[in-house]
Amino acid sequence: MQGEPRTRPRLEQAVLELVPGTSQQRSTGPCEETLFVLSGAGLLRANDGAHALEPEVGACLEPGIEYELVCAGRDPLRVLAVRIPDPEPPEPGSEFSGILVHRLSAQEAEPATTERWFRVIADPETGLRSATHFVGYIPTVRAPEHFHTYDEVIYVIDGEGLMHVNGESRPLGPGSTIELAARTVHCLENTGEGVMRIVAVFRPAGSPAAAYYPDGTPAYVDVSLQEEVTK
């Protein structure tokens, strides 16, 4: 998918699956990382202790973290992981260094374009320095084609639809993945009967509501949420 040239390394998205009774050692290395539990139950173990994992729990991890994922339930543990290379430096005086866990159900719903809404799991205000991690809710009302000024990776949690880019359409369903470069004009259309849900990470951080029509006009009426577009 085409957009403006990238100035940073690509976001790396992967689905991790552990069968019951197994574990996996991981390291964030020089990257920040987000996790989102798609299904199953388990633990996230690190030097700061153990964090319970269950569906729709998200986590953000600082660079240099060694951790272990443990499948502790009867069903496989499936976790969506996104690595964010070349992370932003910590804020001066920041005391956080490690792992923060957030429950999706505890996050406030916020409006976006064309009757869509979202819940932010983590962003720079809640421990994720370099990006915004969110779940989006897409009704059956199709949004006009638009673009964002950030690079984004998307995973379809549930629902069916079409991704329209550059005059082509790609079918989507649960488990579909999407990568969008900044300023790629697109439309993610829900063709199912219920609300489609996606989980996504984008960089640089901002509001998921910050979208623009192809001519650069803000697509969301609350201009306070719009970032500056460089013409």
Protein backbone atom coordinates (compact mmCIF):
# COMPACT_ATOMS: atom_id res chain seq x y z
CA MET A 1 0.00 0.00 0.00
CA GLN A 2 1.45 3.32 -1.05
CA GLY A 3 1.86 6.46 1.06
CA GLU A 4 4.55 8.98 1.86
CA PRO A 5 8.13 7.66 2.23
CA ARG A 6 8.82 6.18 5.66
CA THR A 7 11.19 8.04 7.95
CA ARG A 8 11.29 5.32 10.63
CA PRO A 9 11.56 1.51 10.62
CA ARG A 10 8.28 -0.32 10.04
CA LEU A 11 6.03 -1.41 12.88
CA GLU A 12 6.29 -5.20 13.28
CA GLN A 13 3.03 -7.05 13.95
CA ALA A 14 2.77 -10.75 14.86
CA VAL A 15 0.28 -13.15 16.46
CA LEU A 16 1.84 -15.29 19.20
CA GLU A 17 0.10 -18.58 20.06
CA LEU A 18 0.91 -20.77 23.04
CA VAL A 19 -0.74 -24.11 23.72
CA PRO A 20 -1.89 -24.94 27.28
CA GLY A 21 0.94 -25.65 29.69
CA THR A 22 3.64 -23.94 27.64
CA SER A 23 5.54 -20.66 27.93
CA GLN A 24 7.62 -18.43 25.68
CA GLN A 25 10.61 -16.29 26.61
CA ARG A 26 10.74 -12.92 24.87
CA SER A 27 12.66 -9.67 24.94
CA THR A 28 11.72 -6.22 23.74
CA GLY A 29 15.36 -5.52 22.89
CA PRO A 30 15.81 -1.94 21.66
CA CYS A 31 12.10 -1.60 20.83
CA GLU A 32 8.94 -0.66 22.66
CA GLU A 33 6.26 -3.33 22.39
CA THR A 34 2.49 -3.60 22.76
CA LEU A 35 0.54 -6.76 23.53
CA PHE A 36 -3.19 -7.42 23.20
CA VAL A 37 -4.79 -10.69 24.30
CA LEU A 38 -7.06 -12.04 21.56
CA SER A 39 -8.10 -15.22 23.38
CA GLY A 40 -7.11 -17.55 26.18
CA ALA A 41 -5.70 -16.90 29.64
CA GLY A 42 -2.22 -16.75 31.06
CA LEU A 43 0.50 -14.71 32.71
CA LEU A 44 3.02 -12.10 31.68
CA ARG A 45 6.04 -12.60 33.94
CA ALA A 46 8.93 -10.17 34.34
CA ASN A 47 11.20 -8.78 37.03
CA ASP A 48 8.36 -6.61 38.36
CA GLY A 49 6.18 -9.68 39.01
CA ALA A 50 3.38 -11.50 37.21
CA HIS A 51 0.48 -9.85 35.35
CA ALA A 52 -2.73 -11.76 34.63
CA LEU A 53 -3.70 -12.07 30.97
CA GLU A 54 -7.21 -12.59 29.64
CA PRO A 55 -9.08 -11.51 26.50
CA GLU A 56 -8.97 -7.76 25.80
CA VAL A 57 -6.14 -7.03 28.19
CA GLY A 58 -3.40 -4.88 26.67
CA ALA A 59 0.13 -4.15 27.80
CA CYS A 60 2.93 -1.80 26.83
CA LEU A 61 6.55 -2.68 27.50
CA GLU A 62 9.63 -0.49 27.61
CA PRO A 63 12.83 -1.30 25.69
CA GLY A 64 15.20 -3.72 27.38
CA ILE A 65 12.55 -5.88 29.07
CA GLU A 66 13.01 -9.63 29.40
CA TYR A 67 9.68 -11.35 29.92
CA GLU A 68 7.82 -14.63 29.70
CA LEU A 69 4.36 -15.41 28.35
CA VAL A 70 2.65 -18.37 30.02
CA CYS A 71 -0.49 -20.14 28.80
CA ALA A 72 -2.32 -20.99 32.03
CA GLY A 73 -5.78 -21.86 30.71
CA ARG A 74 -7.40 -24.81 28.99
CA ASP A 75 -7.35 -23.13 25.59
CA PRO A 76 -4.45 -21.68 23.58
CA LEU A 77 -3.27 -18.20 24.52
CA ARG A 78 -3.26 -15.91 21.49
CA VAL A 79 -1.58 -12.54 21.80
CA LEU A 80 -1.13 -9.82 19.20
CA ALA A 81 2.34 -8.28 19.57
CA VAL A 82 3.53 -5.08 17.86
CA ARG A 83 7.17 -4.02 18.09
CA ILE A 84 7.96 -0.31 17.72
CA PRO A 85 11.58 0.16 16.56
CA ASP A 86 13.59 3.31 17.25
CA PRO A 87 11.42 4.37 20.22
CA GLU A 88 11.11 7.89 21.53
CA PRO A 89 13.35 8.68 24.53
CA PRO A 90 11.71 8.77 27.96
CA GLU A 91 10.45 12.10 29.25
CA PRO A 92 12.89 13.83 31.65
CA GLY A 93 12.09 12.76 35.18
CA SER A 94 9.93 9.83 34.07
CA GLU A 95 9.74 7.17 36.80
CA PHE A 96 8.17 4.44 34.68
CA SER A 97 10.47 1.70 33.47
CA GLY A 98 8.90 -1.65 32.78
CA ILE A 99 5.42 -2.94 31.96
CA LEU A 100 1.97 -1.38 32.22
CA VAL A 101 -1.21 -3.44 31.79
CA HIS A 102 -4.56 -1.95 30.73
CA ARG A 103 -8.02 -3.51 30.46
CA LEU A 104 -9.99 -2.45 27.41
CA SER A 105 -13.24 -2.36 29.42
CA ALA A 106 -11.76 0.32 31.70
CA GLN A 107 -11.00 2.72 28.83
CA GLU A 108 -13.37 5.50 27.85
CA ALA A 109 -15.16 5.32 24.49
CA GLU A 110 -14.44 8.33 22.25
CA PRO A 111 -16.06 9.39 18.95
CA ALA A 112 -14.40 9.38 15.53
CA THR A 113 -15.57 9.83 11.94
CA THR A 114 -18.82 8.50 10.42
CA GLU A 115 -20.39 7.12 13.62
CA ARG A 116 -17.20 5.23 14.49
CA TRP A 117 -15.69 5.20 17.94
CA PHE A 118 -12.60 3.92 19.70
CA ARG A 119 -11.00 3.14 23.06
CA VAL A 120 -7.34 4.00 23.59
CA ILE A 121 -5.47 1.19 25.36
CA ALA A 122 -2.17 3.04 25.72
CA ASP A 123 -0.50 6.22 24.47
CA PRO A 124 2.17 8.65 25.71
CA GLU A 125 -0.09 9.74 28.56
CA THR A 126 -0.40 6.15 29.83
CA GLY A 127 3.09 4.72 29.38
CA LEU A 128 3.51 4.04 25.64
CA ARG A 129 6.08 6.64 24.54
CA SER A 130 6.16 6.24 20.78
CA ALA A 131 2.69 5.28 19.54
CA THR A 132 -1.03 4.96 20.19
CA HIS A 133 -2.58 1.53 20.81
CA PHE A 134 -6.36 1.38 20.43
CA VAL A 135 -9.43 -0.68 19.58
CA GLY A 136 -11.72 0.76 16.91
CA TYR A 137 -15.42 0.07 16.41
CA ILE A 138 -16.68 0.32 12.83
CA PRO A 139 -20.45 0.31 12.11
CA THR A 140 -22.01 -0.60 8.78
CA VAL A 141 -22.05 3.06 7.67
CA ARG A 142 -19.23 3.43 5.14
CA ALA A 143 -16.79 6.27 5.75
CA PRO A 144 -15.57 8.40 2.82
CA GLU A 145 -12.04 7.74 1.64
CA HIS A 146 -9.50 9.48 3.87
CA PHE A 147 -5.91 9.38 5.10
CA HIS A 148 -3.97 9.67 8.36
CA THR A 149 -0.59 11.27 8.95
CA TYR A 150 0.78 8.24 10.79
CA ASP A 151 1.99 4.74 9.90
CA GLU A 152 -0.41 2.07 11.17
CA VAL A 153 -0.77 -1.68 11.59
CA ILE A 154 -4.26 -3.14 12.05
CA TYR A 155 -5.65 -6.53 13.08
CA VAL A 156 -9.33 -7.44 12.59
CA ILE A 157 -10.71 -8.89 15.84
CA ASP A 158 -14.19 -9.67 14.53
CA GLY A 159 -16.50 -8.72 11.69
CA GLU A 160 -16.21 -8.78 7.92
CA GLY A 161 -15.49 -6.05 5.45
CA LEU A 162 -13.40 -4.62 2.64
CA MET A 163 -10.26 -2.51 2.59
CA HIS A 164 -10.38 -0.05 -0.30
CA VAL A 165 -6.98 1.33 -1.39
CA ASN A 166 -5.85 2.76 -4.74
CA GLY A 167 -8.97 1.60 -6.56
CA GLU A 168 -8.62 -1.98 -5.32
CA SER A 169 -10.62 -3.81 -2.65
CA ARG A 170 -9.40 -6.58 -0.37
CA PRO A 171 -11.79 -8.78 1.68
CA LEU A 172 -11.27 -8.76 5.44
CA GLY A 173 -12.35 -11.06 8.26
CA PRO A 174 -11.25 -12.07 11.75
CA GLY A 175 -7.47 -12.45 11.74
CA SER A 176 -6.87 -10.19 8.72
CA THR A 177 -3.89 -7.86 9.03
CA ILE A 178 -3.35 -4.49 7.39
CA GLU A 179 -0.36 -2.19 7.13
CA LEU A 180 -0.91 1.43 6.09
CA ALA A 181 1.82 3.95 5.39
CA ALA A 182 1.16 7.56 6.34
CA ARG A 183 -1.09 9.49 3.92
CA THR A 184 -2.38 6.36 2.21
CA VAL A 185 -5.89 7.23 1.00
CA HIS A 186 -8.15 4.36 2.04
CA CYS A 187 -11.48 3.24 3.46
CA LEU A 188 -12.09 0.27 5.75
CA GLU A 189 -15.70 -0.73 5.06
CA ASN A 190 -17.78 -2.99 7.31
CA THR A 191 -19.91 -5.24 5.08
CA GLY A 192 -21.23 -7.44 7.89
CA GLU A 193 -24.37 -7.10 9.97
CA GLY A 194 -22.82 -6.04 13.28
CA VAL A 195 -20.05 -3.74 14.42
CA MET A 196 -16.57 -4.63 13.19
CA ARG A 197 -13.76 -4.38 15.75
CA ILE A 198 -10.11 -3.79 15.01
CA VAL A 199 -7.05 -3.37 17.22
CA ALA A 200 -4.32 -1.10 15.89
CA VAL A 201 -1.06 0.66 16.70
CA PHE A 202 0.04 3.83 14.96
CA ARG A 203 3.05 6.11 15.03
CA PRO A 204 3.56 8.99 15.70
CA ALA A 205 1.09 8.98 18.59
CA GLY A 206 -2.08 11.05 18.42
CA SER A 207 -5.83 10.64 18.24
CA PRO A 208 -7.41 7.84 16.16
CA ALA A 209 -10.00 10.47 15.18
CA ALA A 210 -7.39 12.54 13.32
CA ALA A 211 -8.32 11.76 9.71
CA TYR A 212 -8.32 13.85 6.53
CA TYR A 213 -10.10 13.75 3.19
CA PRO A 214 -7.87 13.49 0.10
CA ASP A 215 -7.84 17.30 -0.26
CA GLY A 216 -6.51 17.70 3.32
CA THR A 217 -9.81 18.78 4.90
CA PRO A 218 -10.27 17.38 8.42
CA ALA A 219 -12.74 14.48 8.34
CA TYR A 220 -13.81 14.85 11.97
CA VAL A 221 -15.80 17.90 13.09
CA ASP A 222 -13.95 18.28 16.41
CA VAL A 223 -10.95 20.16 15.04
CA SER A 224 -9.32 20.16 18.48
CA LEU A 225 -8.48 16.51 17.85
CA GLN A 226 -6.86 17.15 14.50
CA GLU A 227 -3.10 17.33 14.19
CA GLU A 228 -1.43 19.85 11.89
CA VAL A 229 -1.22 18.74 8.26
CA THR A 230 1.94 19.77 6.46
CA LYS A 231 0.94 20.88 3.00
